[in-house]
């Protein structure tokens, strides 16, 4: 049997707490959409643990956890969360023999799209310029990343297998986002003139196995 939990409002419905209860006896926990948004907090070993991207089921010793292809993944957030789990003795490497991010207790779909730092900047600027029509975004870049996906120039996790190819795709999306203004071709929509894209690339490369 499969249990599916879907929030039908704008978040803050308590999904994380329900998942924490439901995953105690399951073999697999799959997150099928969303990104590192507001997240959920649970109590594990008498400690409060905040989850933003990694499925809460990762604390269950029998469960394999999957970040699915419908999710958008901030690579830095993913590794920060993994490190915070290690600090409280939740070791994602103790159930499989091969020390790879893609073959441990935690699996990440190679088709999930990547959230870059400039997506977060764009998210904030979109909100800032929305006036009375602000939607209350957390400015984590999730909406702009899905927009990149829908417009078919987003970068998937699988691109990281070939660093040179990944850099090509990164520069393509960076230049599209930096220059695009679909309503005024003579304007720059987002001011990313001083954006440190080389620093972002170096940070991502340093995190890779």
N, C-alpha and C. Protein backbone atom coordinates (compact mmCIF):
# COMPACT_ATOMS: atom_id res chain seq x y z
N UNK A 1 0.83 -1.21 0.00
CA UNK A 1 0.00 0.00 0.00
C UNK A 1 0.86 1.25 0.00
N UNK A 2 0.30 2.32 -0.53
CA UNK A 2 1.00 3.60 -0.61
C UNK A 2 0.15 4.67 0.07
N UNK A 3 0.76 5.42 0.96
CA UNK A 3 0.11 6.57 1.59
C UNK A 3 0.62 7.83 0.92
N UNK A 4 -0.29 8.72 0.53
CA UNK A 4 0.08 9.98 -0.13
C UNK A 4 -0.42 11.13 0.72
N UNK A 5 0.47 12.05 1.01
CA UNK A 5 0.10 13.23 1.78
C UNK A 5 0.31 14.47 0.92
N UNK A 6 -0.76 15.22 0.70
CA UNK A 6 -0.71 16.42 -0.13
C UNK A 6 -1.30 17.59 0.64
N UNK A 7 -0.60 18.70 0.68
CA UNK A 7 -1.15 19.91 1.28
C UNK A 7 -1.97 20.67 0.26
N UNK A 8 -3.17 21.06 0.61
CA UNK A 8 -4.06 21.73 -0.35
C UNK A 8 -4.21 23.22 -0.06
N UNK A 9 -3.42 23.73 0.90
CA UNK A 9 -3.49 25.15 1.19
C UNK A 9 -2.16 25.80 0.78
N UNK A 10 -1.69 26.78 1.54
CA UNK A 10 -0.46 27.49 1.21
C UNK A 10 0.70 27.05 2.09
N UNK A 11 0.61 25.88 2.69
CA UNK A 11 1.64 25.41 3.60
C UNK A 11 1.22 25.58 5.05
N UNK A 12 2.12 25.20 5.95
CA UNK A 12 1.87 25.31 7.39
C UNK A 12 0.65 24.50 7.83
N UNK A 13 0.42 23.37 7.15
CA UNK A 13 -0.71 22.52 7.53
C UNK A 13 -0.31 21.42 8.50
N UNK A 14 0.97 21.31 8.79
CA UNK A 14 1.43 20.24 9.67
C UNK A 14 1.78 18.96 8.94
N UNK A 15 2.11 19.07 7.65
CA UNK A 15 2.44 17.88 6.86
C UNK A 15 3.64 17.13 7.44
N UNK A 16 4.64 17.88 7.88
CA UNK A 16 5.84 17.25 8.40
C UNK A 16 5.57 16.37 9.61
N UNK A 17 4.72 16.84 10.50
CA UNK A 17 4.40 16.06 11.69
C UNK A 17 3.67 14.77 11.31
N UNK A 18 2.77 14.86 10.34
CA UNK A 18 2.06 13.66 9.90
C UNK A 18 3.02 12.67 9.25
N UNK A 19 3.91 13.18 8.42
CA UNK A 19 4.88 12.30 7.77
C UNK A 19 5.77 11.62 8.82
N UNK A 20 6.15 12.35 9.85
CA UNK A 20 6.97 11.78 10.91
C UNK A 20 6.28 10.58 11.55
N UNK A 21 4.97 10.66 11.71
CA UNK A 21 4.20 9.56 12.29
C UNK A 21 4.05 8.41 11.29
N UNK A 22 3.72 8.76 10.05
CA UNK A 22 3.43 7.73 9.04
C UNK A 22 4.66 6.94 8.62
N UNK A 23 5.84 7.53 8.72
CA UNK A 23 7.04 6.88 8.17
C UNK A 23 7.69 5.89 9.13
N UNK A 24 7.12 5.68 10.29
CA UNK A 24 7.76 4.80 11.28
C UNK A 24 7.74 3.34 10.86
N UNK A 25 6.86 2.98 9.93
CA UNK A 25 6.75 1.58 9.52
C UNK A 25 6.81 1.39 8.01
N UNK A 26 7.36 2.35 7.29
CA UNK A 26 7.38 2.26 5.83
C UNK A 26 8.77 1.92 5.33
N UNK A 27 8.84 1.42 4.11
CA UNK A 27 10.11 1.07 3.49
C UNK A 27 10.72 2.22 2.70
N UNK A 28 9.89 3.15 2.26
CA UNK A 28 10.37 4.21 1.38
C UNK A 28 9.58 5.49 1.62
N UNK A 29 10.29 6.62 1.63
CA UNK A 29 9.67 7.93 1.76
C UNK A 29 10.10 8.77 0.57
N UNK A 30 9.14 9.25 -0.19
CA UNK A 30 9.44 9.97 -1.42
C UNK A 30 8.87 11.38 -1.35
N UNK A 31 9.72 12.35 -1.54
CA UNK A 31 9.23 13.72 -1.69
C UNK A 31 9.12 13.98 -3.18
N UNK A 32 7.92 14.36 -3.63
CA UNK A 32 7.70 14.42 -5.08
C UNK A 32 7.68 15.83 -5.64
N UNK A 33 7.64 16.86 -4.81
CA UNK A 33 7.65 18.23 -5.33
C UNK A 33 8.09 19.18 -4.24
N UNK A 34 8.36 20.44 -4.64
CA UNK A 34 8.78 21.46 -3.69
C UNK A 34 10.28 21.57 -3.56
N UNK A 35 10.69 22.49 -2.70
CA UNK A 35 12.12 22.71 -2.48
C UNK A 35 12.39 23.00 -1.03
N UNK A 36 13.51 23.68 -0.77
CA UNK A 36 13.92 23.95 0.62
C UNK A 36 13.21 25.19 1.13
N UNK A 37 11.92 25.02 1.37
CA UNK A 37 11.09 26.14 1.78
C UNK A 37 11.10 26.25 3.30
N UNK A 38 9.99 26.67 3.89
CA UNK A 38 9.92 26.89 5.33
C UNK A 38 10.24 25.63 6.11
N UNK A 39 9.77 24.47 5.64
CA UNK A 39 10.18 23.20 6.22
C UNK A 39 9.38 22.78 7.44
N UNK A 40 9.90 21.78 8.13
CA UNK A 40 9.23 21.18 9.28
C UNK A 40 10.26 20.94 10.38
N UNK A 41 9.80 20.91 11.61
CA UNK A 41 10.66 20.60 12.75
C UNK A 41 10.08 19.42 13.50
N UNK A 42 10.93 18.44 13.81
CA UNK A 42 10.51 17.29 14.60
C UNK A 42 11.46 17.14 15.79
N UNK A 43 11.07 16.32 16.74
CA UNK A 43 11.93 16.00 17.87
C UNK A 43 12.54 14.63 17.64
N UNK A 44 13.86 14.59 17.60
CA UNK A 44 14.59 13.33 17.40
C UNK A 44 15.63 13.21 18.50
N UNK A 45 15.56 12.12 19.25
CA UNK A 45 16.50 11.90 20.35
C UNK A 45 16.53 13.11 21.29
N UNK A 46 15.34 13.62 21.59
CA UNK A 46 15.16 14.77 22.50
C UNK A 46 15.77 16.06 21.97
N UNK A 47 15.98 16.12 20.66
CA UNK A 47 16.51 17.34 20.05
C UNK A 47 15.56 17.80 18.94
N UNK A 48 15.40 19.12 18.83
CA UNK A 48 14.61 19.68 17.73
C UNK A 48 15.45 19.66 16.46
N UNK A 49 14.90 19.07 15.39
CA UNK A 49 15.61 18.95 14.12
C UNK A 49 14.76 19.59 13.03
N UNK A 50 15.34 20.55 12.32
CA UNK A 50 14.62 21.25 11.26
C UNK A 50 14.95 20.62 9.91
N UNK A 51 13.91 20.33 9.13
CA UNK A 51 14.05 19.80 7.79
C UNK A 51 13.49 20.81 6.79
N UNK A 52 14.25 21.04 5.73
CA UNK A 52 13.80 21.94 4.67
C UNK A 52 13.71 21.23 3.32
N UNK A 53 14.60 20.28 3.10
CA UNK A 53 14.68 19.62 1.79
C UNK A 53 14.66 18.10 1.92
N UNK A 54 15.48 17.57 2.81
CA UNK A 54 15.58 16.12 2.99
C UNK A 54 14.28 15.58 3.58
N UNK A 55 13.75 14.46 3.06
CA UNK A 55 12.54 13.86 3.63
C UNK A 55 12.73 13.50 5.10
N UNK A 56 11.71 13.77 5.90
CA UNK A 56 11.79 13.51 7.33
C UNK A 56 12.02 12.03 7.63
N UNK A 57 11.60 11.15 6.75
CA UNK A 57 11.77 9.72 6.96
C UNK A 57 13.22 9.28 7.08
N UNK A 58 14.17 10.17 6.83
CA UNK A 58 15.58 9.81 6.90
C UNK A 58 15.98 9.40 8.32
N UNK A 59 15.21 9.80 9.32
CA UNK A 59 15.56 9.42 10.69
C UNK A 59 15.07 8.02 11.03
N UNK A 60 14.29 7.41 10.14
CA UNK A 60 13.80 6.06 10.37
C UNK A 60 14.80 5.05 9.80
N UNK A 61 15.30 4.12 10.61
CA UNK A 61 16.39 3.26 10.17
C UNK A 61 16.05 2.33 9.02
N UNK A 62 14.77 2.04 8.80
CA UNK A 62 14.39 1.09 7.76
C UNK A 62 14.02 1.76 6.43
N UNK A 63 13.94 3.08 6.42
CA UNK A 63 13.35 3.77 5.26
C UNK A 63 14.40 4.30 4.30
N UNK A 64 14.20 4.01 3.03
CA UNK A 64 14.94 4.69 1.98
C UNK A 64 14.20 5.99 1.66
N UNK A 65 14.96 7.06 1.45
CA UNK A 65 14.35 8.36 1.19
C UNK A 65 14.76 8.87 -0.19
N UNK A 66 13.79 9.43 -0.90
CA UNK A 66 14.03 9.89 -2.26
C UNK A 66 13.57 11.33 -2.41
N UNK A 67 14.45 12.17 -2.94
CA UNK A 67 14.07 13.50 -3.40
C UNK A 67 13.79 13.34 -4.89
N UNK A 68 12.53 13.43 -5.26
CA UNK A 68 12.10 13.04 -6.60
C UNK A 68 12.33 14.08 -7.67
N UNK A 69 12.03 13.70 -8.90
CA UNK A 69 12.31 14.56 -10.04
C UNK A 69 11.42 15.79 -10.09
N UNK A 70 10.33 15.80 -9.33
CA UNK A 70 9.48 16.98 -9.28
C UNK A 70 9.96 18.03 -8.31
N UNK A 71 11.01 17.72 -7.55
CA UNK A 71 11.56 18.66 -6.58
C UNK A 71 12.57 19.59 -7.25
N UNK A 72 12.85 20.70 -6.58
CA UNK A 72 13.95 21.58 -6.98
C UNK A 72 14.93 21.62 -5.82
N UNK A 73 16.22 21.47 -6.13
CA UNK A 73 17.23 21.18 -5.11
C UNK A 73 18.29 22.27 -5.04
N UNK A 74 18.41 22.89 -3.89
CA UNK A 74 19.56 23.75 -3.60
C UNK A 74 20.69 22.85 -3.12
N UNK A 75 21.76 22.79 -3.87
CA UNK A 75 22.85 21.87 -3.55
C UNK A 75 23.47 22.23 -2.20
N UNK A 76 23.69 23.51 -1.95
CA UNK A 76 24.30 23.90 -0.68
C UNK A 76 23.38 23.55 0.49
N UNK A 77 22.09 23.79 0.33
CA UNK A 77 21.15 23.44 1.39
C UNK A 77 21.13 21.94 1.63
N UNK A 78 21.18 21.16 0.56
CA UNK A 78 21.18 19.71 0.69
C UNK A 78 22.36 19.23 1.53
N UNK A 79 23.55 19.73 1.23
CA UNK A 79 24.72 19.29 1.97
C UNK A 79 24.74 19.83 3.39
N UNK A 80 24.24 21.04 3.58
CA UNK A 80 24.15 21.58 4.94
C UNK A 80 23.21 20.73 5.80
N UNK A 81 22.11 20.30 5.19
CA UNK A 81 21.16 19.49 5.93
C UNK A 81 21.73 18.10 6.25
N UNK A 82 22.44 17.53 5.29
CA UNK A 82 23.09 16.24 5.53
C UNK A 82 24.09 16.36 6.68
N UNK A 83 24.86 17.45 6.68
CA UNK A 83 25.85 17.65 7.75
C UNK A 83 25.17 17.84 9.10
N UNK A 84 24.05 18.56 9.13
CA UNK A 84 23.34 18.75 10.40
C UNK A 84 22.79 17.42 10.91
N UNK A 85 22.40 16.53 10.00
CA UNK A 85 21.93 15.21 10.40
C UNK A 85 23.08 14.37 10.98
N UNK A 86 24.23 14.48 10.38
CA UNK A 86 25.39 13.74 10.90
C UNK A 86 25.74 14.20 12.31
N UNK A 87 25.56 15.49 12.58
CA UNK A 87 25.91 16.00 13.91
C UNK A 87 25.02 15.41 15.01
N UNK A 88 23.82 15.00 14.64
CA UNK A 88 22.94 14.37 15.64
C UNK A 88 22.90 12.85 15.46
N UNK A 89 23.92 12.34 14.78
CA UNK A 89 24.14 10.89 14.66
C UNK A 89 23.12 10.20 13.74
N UNK A 90 22.53 10.95 12.81
CA UNK A 90 21.72 10.33 11.75
C UNK A 90 22.65 10.18 10.55
N UNK A 91 23.16 8.98 10.39
CA UNK A 91 24.18 8.73 9.37
C UNK A 91 23.54 8.13 8.13
N UNK A 92 23.54 8.87 7.05
CA UNK A 92 22.92 8.37 5.83
C UNK A 92 23.81 7.36 5.12
N UNK A 93 24.97 7.07 5.65
CA UNK A 93 25.92 6.19 4.99
C UNK A 93 26.01 4.81 5.61
N UNK A 94 25.14 4.50 6.58
CA UNK A 94 25.35 3.26 7.32
C UNK A 94 24.48 2.10 6.84
N UNK A 95 23.79 2.26 5.71
CA UNK A 95 22.93 1.18 5.28
C UNK A 95 23.31 0.62 3.91
N UNK A 96 24.21 1.32 3.24
CA UNK A 96 24.65 0.87 1.91
C UNK A 96 26.17 0.92 1.89
N UNK A 97 26.76 0.16 1.01
CA UNK A 97 28.22 0.00 1.05
C UNK A 97 28.94 1.04 0.21
N UNK A 98 28.32 1.62 -0.76
CA UNK A 98 29.01 2.54 -1.67
C UNK A 98 28.82 3.97 -1.19
N UNK A 99 29.91 4.70 -0.86
CA UNK A 99 29.78 6.04 -0.29
C UNK A 99 29.47 7.11 -1.33
N UNK A 100 28.31 7.05 -1.92
CA UNK A 100 27.91 8.03 -2.92
C UNK A 100 26.56 8.61 -2.55
N UNK A 101 26.40 9.89 -2.79
CA UNK A 101 25.15 10.57 -2.45
C UNK A 101 23.96 9.91 -3.12
N UNK A 102 24.16 9.33 -4.29
CA UNK A 102 23.04 8.79 -5.06
C UNK A 102 22.73 7.33 -4.73
N UNK A 103 23.50 6.68 -3.87
CA UNK A 103 23.26 5.26 -3.60
C UNK A 103 23.22 4.96 -2.11
N UNK A 104 22.89 5.95 -1.29
CA UNK A 104 22.83 5.75 0.14
C UNK A 104 21.39 5.62 0.58
N UNK A 105 21.14 5.86 1.86
CA UNK A 105 19.77 5.89 2.34
C UNK A 105 19.01 7.01 1.65
N UNK A 106 19.71 8.07 1.34
CA UNK A 106 19.10 9.22 0.68
C UNK A 106 19.44 9.19 -0.81
N UNK A 107 18.41 9.17 -1.63
CA UNK A 107 18.56 9.19 -3.09
C UNK A 107 18.07 10.53 -3.62
N UNK A 108 18.75 11.04 -4.63
CA UNK A 108 18.33 12.28 -5.28
C UNK A 108 18.14 11.99 -6.76
N UNK A 109 16.98 12.30 -7.29
CA UNK A 109 16.72 12.06 -8.70
C UNK A 109 17.65 12.90 -9.57
N UNK A 110 18.20 12.29 -10.61
CA UNK A 110 19.06 13.04 -11.52
C UNK A 110 18.25 13.97 -12.42
N UNK A 111 16.93 13.89 -12.33
CA UNK A 111 16.08 14.77 -13.14
C UNK A 111 15.51 15.95 -12.34
N UNK A 112 15.81 15.99 -11.04
CA UNK A 112 15.39 17.15 -10.24
C UNK A 112 16.18 18.37 -10.68
N UNK A 113 15.53 19.51 -10.73
CA UNK A 113 16.19 20.75 -11.17
C UNK A 113 16.91 21.44 -10.02
N UNK A 114 17.97 22.17 -10.35
CA UNK A 114 18.83 22.79 -9.35
C UNK A 114 18.42 24.24 -9.11
N UNK A 115 18.35 24.60 -7.82
CA UNK A 115 18.13 25.98 -7.41
C UNK A 115 19.49 26.65 -7.26
N UNK A 116 19.73 27.70 -8.02
CA UNK A 116 20.97 28.46 -7.89
C UNK A 116 20.73 29.72 -7.06
N UNK A 117 21.81 30.33 -6.62
CA UNK A 117 21.68 31.53 -5.80
C UNK A 117 20.96 32.66 -6.53
N UNK A 118 21.18 32.75 -7.85
CA UNK A 118 20.51 33.83 -8.58
C UNK A 118 19.01 33.62 -8.66
N UNK A 119 18.56 32.37 -8.55
CA UNK A 119 17.12 32.14 -8.46
C UNK A 119 16.55 32.80 -7.21
N UNK A 120 17.30 32.73 -6.11
CA UNK A 120 16.85 33.33 -4.87
C UNK A 120 16.81 34.85 -4.97
N UNK A 121 17.81 35.43 -5.64
CA UNK A 121 17.81 36.88 -5.85
C UNK A 121 16.60 37.30 -6.68
N UNK A 122 16.34 36.55 -7.74
CA UNK A 122 15.19 36.85 -8.60
C UNK A 122 13.89 36.73 -7.82
N UNK A 123 13.80 35.72 -6.97
CA UNK A 123 12.61 35.53 -6.15
C UNK A 123 12.35 36.76 -5.28
N UNK A 124 13.41 37.26 -4.64
CA UNK A 124 13.27 38.44 -3.80
C UNK A 124 12.90 39.68 -4.59
N UNK A 125 13.50 39.85 -5.77
CA UNK A 125 13.19 41.02 -6.60
C UNK A 125 11.77 40.97 -7.12
N UNK A 126 11.32 39.77 -7.50
CA UNK A 126 9.93 39.63 -7.95
C UNK A 126 8.97 40.06 -6.85
N UNK A 127 9.25 39.64 -5.62
CA UNK A 127 8.40 40.00 -4.50
C UNK A 127 8.47 41.49 -4.21
N UNK A 128 9.67 42.05 -4.26
CA UNK A 128 9.86 43.47 -3.98
C UNK A 128 9.09 44.34 -4.97
N UNK A 129 9.03 43.89 -6.21
CA UNK A 129 8.40 44.69 -7.26
C UNK A 129 6.93 44.36 -7.48
N UNK A 130 6.35 43.57 -6.59
CA UNK A 130 4.96 43.15 -6.76
C UNK A 130 3.95 44.06 -6.08
N UNK A 131 4.43 45.04 -5.33
CA UNK A 131 3.51 45.98 -4.69
C UNK A 131 2.50 45.29 -3.79
N UNK A 132 1.24 45.63 -3.99
CA UNK A 132 0.17 45.03 -3.18
C UNK A 132 -0.13 43.59 -3.57
N UNK A 133 0.52 43.09 -4.62
CA UNK A 133 0.26 41.72 -5.08
C UNK A 133 1.31 40.73 -4.58
N UNK A 134 2.03 41.11 -3.54
CA UNK A 134 3.02 40.18 -2.97
C UNK A 134 2.34 38.89 -2.55
N UNK A 135 3.06 37.77 -2.73
CA UNK A 135 2.48 36.46 -2.38
C UNK A 135 3.06 35.89 -1.10
N UNK A 136 4.05 36.58 -0.50
CA UNK A 136 4.61 36.08 0.74
C UNK A 136 5.64 34.98 0.55
N UNK A 137 6.36 35.02 -0.56
CA UNK A 137 7.37 34.01 -0.82
C UNK A 137 8.46 34.02 0.24
N UNK A 138 9.06 32.86 0.49
CA UNK A 138 10.18 32.76 1.42
C UNK A 138 11.50 33.17 0.77
N UNK A 139 11.46 33.49 -0.52
CA UNK A 139 12.62 33.98 -1.27
C UNK A 139 13.74 32.94 -1.33
N UNK A 140 13.35 31.68 -1.38
CA UNK A 140 14.34 30.60 -1.50
C UNK A 140 14.61 30.22 -2.96
N UNK A 141 14.00 30.93 -3.90
CA UNK A 141 14.28 30.68 -5.31
C UNK A 141 13.48 29.55 -5.93
N UNK A 142 12.49 29.06 -5.22
CA UNK A 142 11.75 27.89 -5.68
C UNK A 142 10.90 28.22 -6.91
N UNK A 143 10.13 29.30 -6.84
CA UNK A 143 9.29 29.69 -7.97
C UNK A 143 10.10 29.95 -9.23
N UNK A 144 11.15 30.79 -9.17
CA UNK A 144 11.97 31.02 -10.36
C UNK A 144 12.62 29.75 -10.91
N UNK A 145 12.97 28.80 -10.03
CA UNK A 145 13.55 27.55 -10.52
C UNK A 145 12.52 26.75 -11.30
N UNK A 146 11.30 26.69 -10.80
CA UNK A 146 10.25 26.01 -11.56
C UNK A 146 9.97 26.74 -12.87
N UNK A 147 10.08 28.08 -12.86
CA UNK A 147 9.91 28.83 -14.11
C UNK A 147 10.98 28.44 -15.12
N UNK A 148 12.22 28.29 -14.65
CA UNK A 148 13.30 27.85 -15.54
C UNK A 148 13.02 26.46 -16.09
N UNK A 149 12.46 25.60 -15.24
CA UNK A 149 12.12 24.25 -15.67
C UNK A 149 11.03 24.28 -16.75
N UNK A 150 9.99 25.07 -16.51
CA UNK A 150 8.89 25.13 -17.46
C UNK A 150 9.33 25.73 -18.79
N UNK A 151 10.28 26.66 -18.74
CA UNK A 151 10.76 27.29 -19.97
C UNK A 151 11.89 26.49 -20.62
N UNK A 152 12.24 25.35 -20.01
CA UNK A 152 13.14 24.35 -20.59
C UNK A 152 14.59 24.81 -20.75
N UNK A 153 15.03 25.67 -19.83
CA UNK A 153 16.46 25.98 -19.79
C UNK A 153 17.04 25.73 -18.40
N UNK A 154 16.29 25.06 -17.54
CA UNK A 154 16.80 24.72 -16.22
C UNK A 154 17.89 23.66 -16.29
N UNK A 155 18.60 23.50 -15.18
CA UNK A 155 19.70 22.53 -15.09
C UNK A 155 19.31 21.44 -14.11
N UNK A 156 19.45 20.19 -14.54
CA UNK A 156 19.08 19.05 -13.71
C UNK A 156 20.28 18.55 -12.90
N UNK A 157 19.99 17.84 -11.83
CA UNK A 157 21.04 17.28 -10.99
C UNK A 157 21.96 16.36 -11.78
N UNK A 158 21.42 15.65 -12.74
CA UNK A 158 22.22 14.71 -13.52
C UNK A 158 23.34 15.37 -14.29
N UNK A 159 23.22 16.68 -14.56
CA UNK A 159 24.27 17.39 -15.29
C UNK A 159 25.58 17.41 -14.51
N UNK A 160 25.51 17.21 -13.20
CA UNK A 160 26.71 17.26 -12.37
C UNK A 160 27.66 16.09 -12.63
N UNK A 161 27.21 15.09 -13.35
CA UNK A 161 28.08 13.95 -13.68
C UNK A 161 29.22 14.35 -14.60
N UNK A 162 29.01 15.41 -15.40
CA UNK A 162 30.02 15.89 -16.33
C UNK A 162 30.22 17.38 -16.04
N UNK A 163 31.32 17.71 -15.37
CA UNK A 163 31.49 19.08 -14.88
C UNK A 163 31.56 20.10 -16.01
N UNK A 164 32.26 19.79 -17.09
CA UNK A 164 32.35 20.74 -18.20
C UNK A 164 30.98 21.00 -18.82
N UNK A 165 30.21 19.95 -18.99
CA UNK A 165 28.86 20.10 -19.53
C UNK A 165 27.98 20.88 -18.55
N UNK A 166 28.14 20.60 -17.27
CA UNK A 166 27.38 21.32 -16.26
C UNK A 166 27.67 22.82 -16.33
N UNK A 167 28.95 23.18 -16.46
CA UNK A 167 29.31 24.60 -16.52
C UNK A 167 28.68 25.27 -17.74
N UNK A 168 28.62 24.57 -18.86
CA UNK A 168 27.97 25.12 -20.05
C UNK A 168 26.49 25.41 -19.78
N UNK A 169 25.84 24.45 -19.15
CA UNK A 169 24.42 24.63 -18.86
C UNK A 169 24.21 25.73 -17.82
N UNK A 170 25.13 25.80 -16.85
CA UNK A 170 25.03 26.84 -15.83
C UNK A 170 25.14 28.22 -16.47
N UNK A 171 26.14 28.43 -17.32
CA UNK A 171 26.33 29.74 -17.94
C UNK A 171 25.15 30.09 -18.85
N UNK A 172 24.57 29.08 -19.48
CA UNK A 172 23.40 29.34 -20.32
C UNK A 172 22.24 29.89 -19.50
N UNK A 173 21.91 29.22 -18.40
CA UNK A 173 20.79 29.67 -17.60
C UNK A 173 21.11 30.99 -16.91
N UNK A 174 22.35 31.16 -16.49
CA UNK A 174 22.73 32.43 -15.84
C UNK A 174 22.54 33.59 -16.80
N UNK A 175 22.98 33.44 -18.04
CA UNK A 175 22.85 34.53 -19.00
C UNK A 175 21.40 34.77 -19.40
N UNK A 176 20.62 33.72 -19.49
CA UNK A 176 19.20 33.91 -19.79
C UNK A 176 18.51 34.69 -18.68
N UNK A 177 18.75 34.28 -17.43
CA UNK A 177 18.13 34.96 -16.30
C UNK A 177 18.64 36.39 -16.17
N UNK A 178 19.93 36.57 -16.40
CA UNK A 178 20.55 37.89 -16.24
C UNK A 178 20.03 38.90 -17.26
N UNK A 179 19.75 38.45 -18.46
CA UNK A 179 19.40 39.36 -19.54
C UNK A 179 17.92 39.40 -19.87
N UNK A 180 17.15 38.41 -19.41
CA UNK A 180 15.79 38.26 -19.92
C UNK A 180 14.85 39.31 -19.38
N UNK A 181 14.14 39.96 -20.27
CA UNK A 181 12.95 40.73 -19.96
C UNK A 181 12.00 40.51 -21.13
N UNK A 182 11.03 39.62 -20.90
CA UNK A 182 10.18 39.19 -22.00
C UNK A 182 9.28 40.30 -22.52
N UNK A 183 9.13 41.38 -21.73
CA UNK A 183 8.24 42.47 -22.15
C UNK A 183 9.00 43.64 -22.78
N UNK A 184 10.27 43.81 -22.42
CA UNK A 184 11.06 44.92 -22.94
C UNK A 184 12.44 44.39 -23.30
N UNK A 185 12.65 44.14 -24.60
CA UNK A 185 13.88 43.48 -25.03
C UNK A 185 15.10 44.36 -24.82
N UNK A 186 14.90 45.68 -24.64
CA UNK A 186 16.03 46.57 -24.46
C UNK A 186 16.37 46.78 -22.98
N UNK A 187 15.71 46.06 -22.09
CA UNK A 187 15.96 46.21 -20.66
C UNK A 187 16.51 44.92 -20.06
N UNK A 188 17.22 45.08 -18.95
CA UNK A 188 17.68 43.93 -18.18
C UNK A 188 16.71 43.76 -17.02
N UNK A 189 16.12 42.59 -16.92
CA UNK A 189 15.08 42.37 -15.91
C UNK A 189 15.66 42.32 -14.50
N UNK A 190 16.76 41.60 -14.33
CA UNK A 190 17.38 41.45 -13.02
C UNK A 190 18.80 42.00 -13.08
N UNK A 191 19.14 42.84 -12.11
CA UNK A 191 20.47 43.42 -12.06
C UNK A 191 21.42 42.45 -11.37
N UNK A 192 22.05 41.59 -12.18
CA UNK A 192 23.00 40.62 -11.65
C UNK A 192 24.43 40.95 -12.08
N UNK A 193 24.67 42.25 -12.28
CA UNK A 193 25.96 42.68 -12.82
C UNK A 193 27.12 42.25 -11.93
N UNK A 194 26.93 42.31 -10.62
CA UNK A 194 28.01 41.98 -9.69
C UNK A 194 27.88 40.57 -9.12
N UNK A 195 27.09 39.75 -9.77
CA UNK A 195 26.86 38.40 -9.26
C UNK A 195 28.12 37.56 -9.40
N UNK A 196 28.47 36.86 -8.33
CA UNK A 196 29.70 36.05 -8.31
C UNK A 196 29.40 34.64 -8.80
N UNK A 197 29.24 34.48 -10.10
CA UNK A 197 28.94 33.17 -10.64
C UNK A 197 30.13 32.22 -10.51
N UNK A 198 31.34 32.76 -10.60
CA UNK A 198 32.51 31.90 -10.44
C UNK A 198 32.59 31.35 -9.02
N UNK A 199 32.22 32.17 -8.04
CA UNK A 199 32.21 31.70 -6.66
C UNK A 199 31.18 30.62 -6.44
N UNK A 200 30.02 30.77 -7.10
CA UNK A 200 28.98 29.75 -6.95
C UNK A 200 29.43 28.43 -7.57
N UNK A 201 30.02 28.51 -8.74
CA UNK A 201 30.52 27.30 -9.39
C UNK A 201 31.59 26.62 -8.53
N UNK A 202 32.49 27.41 -7.97
CA UNK A 202 33.55 26.83 -7.13
C UNK A 202 32.95 26.17 -5.88
N UNK A 203 31.93 26.78 -5.30
CA UNK A 203 31.29 26.22 -4.12
C UNK A 203 30.63 24.88 -4.45
N UNK A 204 29.91 24.82 -5.57
CA UNK A 204 29.26 23.58 -5.97
C UNK A 204 30.29 22.49 -6.22
N UNK A 205 31.35 22.84 -6.94
CA UNK A 205 32.38 21.84 -7.26
C UNK A 205 33.04 21.31 -5.99
N UNK A 206 33.22 22.17 -4.99
CA UNK A 206 33.86 21.73 -3.75
C UNK A 206 33.00 20.75 -2.97
N UNK A 207 31.70 20.73 -3.21
CA UNK A 207 30.80 19.84 -2.48
C UNK A 207 30.66 18.47 -3.14
N UNK A 208 31.08 18.37 -4.39
CA UNK A 208 30.88 17.12 -5.11
C UNK A 208 31.85 16.04 -4.65
N UNK A 209 31.41 14.77 -4.66
CA UNK A 209 32.31 13.67 -4.26
C UNK A 209 33.42 13.48 -5.28
